[in-house]
Amino acid sequence: MKKTALLFAGLLLAGFVHAGELEDAKALFEQKKYPEAMKLYTKLANAGNVEAQQSLGQMYWYGEAGEVDEAKATMWFTKAAAKGNKVAADSLVIMQQRVARRADIDYWVSKYDGEDLKSGKFHCPAPRVPPISKQSDEIDRVANAINKWQDCYNAFVQNLNAVSPLSNRIPADVAKLMNAAEMEKAKAHLAQVQENVSEEAKVGAKMTLADVAVWRSATEAYIAEHNAIVNKAPKEDSISSKRK
């Protein structure tokens, strides 16, 4: 009986020790001391602590204290789930869904090209601007086309700003399947795509504005010259008639 009681007391003591170490591991994790937390969680997980197994799986899943390791995350989630840990069981379901949705995850992480930001409400074709216009109807037509393009470009800028950051466009059902490393890569990739779209639009706008400046300068010079000739003609006729 004494031996049995002693063994039982030893088990209780071990439980208290593990409980204390588990709290220490949680505290280290909260302090973002991930390597220390992982070391302690690993010790407890190897000793069979279910909560530590689940937490260790999460750390491998999110890549805390190192690279993302889905194989180790799956291993620890499986161990914890086998002992009834619901969080670990739910995590395993998510990991299975990741396999089925891998193409969708990869699309937002590295393959989205922003082509949809160049069509529809984002599409502003440059107006055809001739080097010079000499007829009133053509001047009006070109001026209207320029004004329409300017309005469209201003709307494009507003629309592009409205969808920033592009990471907000990741579907919720895909985002919840992404680990921390994938989400960070997706955010960086999408930010670069948006910057590229914006820069491409700026370059196009500068080229259009340069054409407009040439057209306006040449057309205004022609109008001024034409008006000078027209205004001068009656005076010459008047002088000629007086000489007669």
Protein backbone atom coordinates (compact mmCIF):
# COMPACT_ATOMS: atom_id res chain seq x y z
CA MET A 1 0.00 0.00 0.00
CA LYS A 2 2.78 2.40 0.88
CA LYS A 3 4.48 1.72 -2.43
CA THR A 4 1.23 2.32 -4.33
CA ALA A 5 0.55 5.52 -2.41
CA LEU A 6 4.08 6.69 -3.06
CA LEU A 7 3.69 6.01 -6.78
CA PHE A 8 0.39 7.90 -6.85
CA ALA A 9 1.96 10.82 -5.05
CA GLY A 10 4.77 10.80 -7.58
CA LEU A 11 2.30 10.96 -10.44
CA LEU A 12 0.52 13.88 -8.83
CA LEU A 13 3.81 15.67 -8.33
CA ALA A 14 4.74 15.11 -11.98
CA GLY A 15 1.39 16.54 -12.99
CA PHE A 16 2.00 19.66 -10.95
CA VAL A 17 5.48 20.00 -12.43
CA HIS A 18 4.10 19.70 -15.96
CA ALA A 19 1.36 22.20 -15.19
CA GLY A 20 3.94 24.68 -13.97
CA GLU A 21 6.15 24.13 -16.99
CA LEU A 22 3.15 24.47 -19.30
CA GLU A 23 2.38 27.86 -17.82
CA ASP A 24 6.03 28.80 -18.22
CA ALA A 25 5.90 27.77 -21.88
CA LYS A 26 2.76 29.84 -22.42
CA ALA A 27 4.40 32.84 -20.76
CA LEU A 28 7.47 32.51 -22.96
CA PHE A 29 5.25 32.29 -26.02
CA GLU A 30 3.32 35.42 -25.01
CA GLN A 31 6.64 37.22 -24.60
CA LYS A 32 7.52 36.10 -28.15
CA LYS A 33 10.46 34.12 -26.83
CA TYR A 34 9.65 31.44 -29.35
CA PRO A 35 12.83 29.32 -29.24
CA GLU A 36 12.57 28.99 -25.45
CA ALA A 37 8.83 28.29 -25.64
CA MET A 38 9.34 25.64 -28.32
CA LYS A 39 12.04 23.94 -26.28
CA LEU A 40 9.76 23.67 -23.26
CA TYR A 41 6.71 22.68 -25.32
CA THR A 42 8.79 19.95 -26.97
CA LYS A 43 9.83 18.56 -23.60
CA LEU A 44 6.22 18.49 -22.41
CA ALA A 45 4.88 17.12 -25.70
CA ASN A 46 7.37 14.26 -25.63
CA ALA A 47 6.20 13.55 -22.10
CA GLY A 48 2.65 13.18 -23.42
CA ASN A 49 1.12 16.54 -22.47
CA VAL A 50 -1.80 17.00 -24.86
CA GLU A 51 -1.97 20.79 -24.68
CA ALA A 52 1.76 21.04 -25.29
CA GLN A 53 1.41 18.73 -28.31
CA GLN A 54 -1.31 20.93 -29.75
CA SER A 55 0.67 24.12 -29.05
CA LEU A 56 3.81 22.63 -30.56
CA GLY A 57 1.85 21.70 -33.66
CA GLN A 58 0.68 25.30 -33.93
CA MET A 59 4.24 26.59 -33.63
CA TYR A 60 5.41 24.35 -36.45
CA TRP A 61 2.31 25.31 -38.43
CA TYR A 62 2.99 29.03 -38.18
CA GLY A 63 6.76 28.76 -38.42
CA GLU A 64 7.38 30.34 -35.05
CA ALA A 65 10.96 29.88 -33.87
CA GLY A 66 11.94 28.55 -37.28
CA GLU A 67 10.70 27.48 -40.69
CA VAL A 68 7.18 26.22 -41.28
CA ASP A 69 7.20 22.43 -40.96
CA GLU A 70 3.84 20.96 -41.94
CA ALA A 71 5.03 17.39 -41.42
CA LYS A 72 5.89 18.01 -37.77
CA ALA A 73 2.76 20.10 -37.30
CA THR A 74 0.67 17.21 -38.61
CA MET A 75 2.47 14.75 -36.36
CA TRP A 76 1.81 16.73 -33.18
CA PHE A 77 -1.75 17.62 -34.16
CA THR A 78 -2.42 13.93 -34.79
CA LYS A 79 -1.05 12.94 -31.37
CA ALA A 80 -3.10 15.61 -29.61
CA ALA A 81 -6.25 14.88 -31.62
CA ALA A 82 -5.98 11.19 -30.76
CA LYS A 83 -6.28 12.21 -27.11
CA GLY A 84 -9.38 14.31 -27.74
CA ASN A 85 -7.91 17.77 -28.31
CA LYS A 86 -10.51 19.57 -30.46
CA VAL A 87 -8.21 22.40 -31.58
CA ALA A 88 -5.72 19.87 -32.90
CA ALA A 89 -8.50 17.92 -34.63
CA ASP A 90 -9.79 21.10 -36.29
CA SER A 91 -6.24 21.97 -37.36
CA LEU A 92 -5.91 18.59 -39.05
CA VAL A 93 -9.10 19.27 -41.00
CA ILE A 94 -7.67 22.60 -42.15
CA MET A 95 -4.46 20.92 -43.25
CA GLN A 96 -6.46 18.43 -45.30
CA GLN A 97 -8.36 21.31 -46.88
CA ARG A 98 -5.06 22.97 -47.71
CA VAL A 99 -4.15 20.03 -49.90
CA ALA A 100 -7.43 20.37 -51.81
CA ARG A 101 -7.07 24.16 -52.16
CA ARG A 102 -3.34 24.31 -52.86
CA ALA A 103 -3.85 25.91 -56.30
CA ASP A 104 -5.96 28.70 -54.76
CA ILE A 105 -3.37 29.36 -52.07
CA ASP A 106 -0.51 29.46 -54.59
CA TYR A 107 -2.51 31.84 -56.80
CA TRP A 108 -2.59 34.53 -54.13
CA VAL A 109 0.90 33.81 -52.83
CA SER A 110 2.70 34.14 -56.15
CA LYS A 111 0.57 33.89 -59.30
CA TYR A 112 -1.95 36.73 -59.13
CA ASP A 113 -0.94 39.20 -61.87
CA GLY A 114 -3.35 42.10 -61.40
CA GLU A 115 -4.81 41.91 -64.91
CA ASP A 116 -8.27 42.55 -63.48
CA LEU A 117 -6.97 45.95 -62.35
CA LYS A 118 -6.53 46.93 -65.99
CA SER A 119 -10.06 46.22 -67.22
CA GLY A 120 -13.60 47.34 -66.50
CA LYS A 121 -13.68 50.35 -64.21
CA PHE A 122 -9.88 50.33 -64.18
CA HIS A 123 -9.51 50.55 -67.96
CA CYS A 124 -8.69 54.00 -69.38
CA PRO A 125 -7.56 53.81 -73.01
CA ALA A 126 -5.40 56.74 -74.06
CA PRO A 127 -7.07 59.18 -76.46
CA ARG A 128 -5.80 59.56 -80.01
CA VAL A 129 -4.06 62.91 -79.98
CA PRO A 130 -2.78 64.24 -83.35
CA PRO A 131 0.30 66.48 -83.51
CA ILE A 132 -1.93 69.44 -84.41
CA SER A 133 -5.58 70.24 -85.13
CA LYS A 134 -6.60 72.97 -87.57
CA GLN A 135 -10.36 72.51 -87.79
CA SER A 136 -12.79 73.55 -85.07
CA ASP A 137 -14.67 70.25 -85.06
CA GLU A 138 -11.42 68.28 -84.72
CA ILE A 139 -10.21 70.57 -81.93
CA ASP A 140 -13.47 70.01 -80.04
CA ARG A 141 -13.34 66.26 -80.62
CA VAL A 142 -9.76 65.93 -79.37
CA ALA A 143 -10.39 68.21 -76.38
CA ASN A 144 -13.44 66.16 -75.37
CA ALA A 145 -11.46 62.92 -75.70
CA ILE A 146 -8.70 64.35 -73.49
CA ASN A 147 -11.19 65.47 -70.84
CA LYS A 148 -12.88 62.08 -70.89
CA TRP A 149 -9.54 60.32 -70.46
CA GLN A 150 -8.55 62.60 -67.57
CA ASP A 151 -11.82 61.85 -65.77
CA CYS A 152 -11.29 58.13 -66.36
CA TYR A 153 -7.71 58.24 -65.09
CA ASN A 154 -8.75 60.09 -61.94
CA ALA A 155 -11.42 57.44 -61.34
CA PHE A 156 -8.81 54.72 -61.95
CA VAL A 157 -6.58 56.19 -59.23
CA GLN A 158 -9.50 56.33 -56.81
CA ASN A 159 -10.54 52.76 -57.62
CA LEU A 160 -6.99 51.47 -57.22
CA ASN A 161 -6.67 53.16 -53.84
CA ALA A 162 -10.05 51.75 -52.82
CA VAL A 163 -8.87 48.14 -53.24
CA SER A 164 -5.69 48.72 -51.26
CA PRO A 165 -4.26 46.61 -49.76
CA LEU A 166 -4.88 43.89 -52.29
CA SER A 167 -4.50 41.27 -49.57
CA ASN A 168 -8.07 42.17 -48.58
CA ARG A 169 -9.18 40.56 -51.83
CA ILE A 170 -7.99 37.11 -50.76
CA PRO A 171 -11.20 35.10 -50.25
CA ALA A 172 -11.85 34.42 -46.56
CA ASP A 173 -12.10 30.66 -47.11
CA VAL A 174 -8.64 30.71 -48.72
CA ALA A 175 -7.09 33.09 -46.19
CA LYS A 176 -8.04 30.85 -43.27
CA LEU A 177 -6.13 27.99 -44.87
CA MET A 178 -2.91 29.97 -45.28
CA ASN A 179 -0.17 29.79 -42.70
CA ALA A 180 1.64 32.89 -41.47
CA ALA A 181 4.54 32.55 -43.91
CA GLU A 182 2.19 32.18 -46.86
CA MET A 183 0.14 35.17 -45.81
CA GLU A 184 3.25 37.33 -45.51
CA LYS A 185 4.43 36.22 -48.95
CA ALA A 186 0.99 36.90 -50.38
CA LYS A 187 0.91 40.40 -48.89
CA ALA A 188 4.36 41.19 -50.29
CA HIS A 189 3.47 39.78 -53.71
CA LEU A 190 0.16 41.62 -53.91
CA ALA A 191 1.74 44.89 -52.80
CA GLN A 192 4.30 44.54 -55.59
CA VAL A 193 1.58 43.77 -58.14
CA GLN A 194 -0.35 46.88 -57.11
CA GLU A 195 2.79 48.98 -57.32
CA ASN A 196 3.50 47.62 -60.81
CA VAL A 197 -0.03 48.39 -61.99
CA SER A 198 0.18 51.88 -60.54
CA GLU A 199 3.59 52.56 -62.08
CA GLU A 200 2.50 51.27 -65.49
CA ALA A 201 -0.53 53.57 -65.38
CA LYS A 202 1.65 56.53 -64.40
CA VAL A 203 4.03 55.91 -67.30
CA GLY A 204 1.12 55.70 -69.72
CA ALA A 205 -0.40 58.88 -68.30
CA LYS A 206 2.87 60.77 -68.67
CA MET A 207 3.13 59.73 -72.31
CA THR A 208 -0.45 60.82 -72.95
CA LEU A 209 0.08 64.15 -71.21
CA ALA A 210 3.23 64.70 -73.28
CA ASP A 211 1.22 64.14 -76.48
CA VAL A 212 -1.47 66.49 -75.19
CA ALA A 213 1.11 69.18 -74.44
CA VAL A 214 2.54 68.94 -77.98
CA TRP A 215 -0.95 69.04 -79.50
CA ARG A 216 -2.09 71.96 -77.38
CA SER A 217 1.05 74.00 -78.06
CA ALA A 218 0.96 73.40 -81.82
CA THR A 219 -2.79 73.92 -82.09
CA GLU A 220 -2.77 77.12 -80.03
CA ALA A 221 0.14 78.45 -82.11
CA TYR A 222 -1.77 77.68 -85.31
CA ILE A 223 -4.93 79.36 -83.99
CA ALA A 224 -2.97 82.44 -82.94
CA GLU A 225 -1.30 82.65 -86.35
CA HIS A 226 -4.58 82.10 -88.16
CA ASN A 227 -6.35 84.76 -86.10
CA ALA A 228 -3.53 87.22 -86.74
CA ILE A 229 -3.89 86.71 -90.47
CA VAL A 230 -7.66 87.05 -90.32
CA ASN A 231 -7.47 90.20 -88.20
CA LYS A 232 -4.87 91.72 -90.46
CA ALA A 233 -6.67 91.09 -93.76
CA PRO A 234 -9.48 93.70 -93.40
CA LYS A 235 -6.99 96.45 -92.59
CA GLU A 236 -5.03 95.76 -95.76
CA ASP A 237 -8.23 95.81 -97.84
CA SER A 238 -9.21 99.12 -96.26
CA ILE A 239 -5.84 100.70 -97.07
CA SER A 240 -6.00 99.44 -100.63
CA SER A 241 -9.45 100.94 -101.16
CA LYS A 242 -8.30 104.31 -99.86
CA ARG A 243 -5.36 104.36 -102.29
CA LYS A 244 -7.72 103.82 -105.16
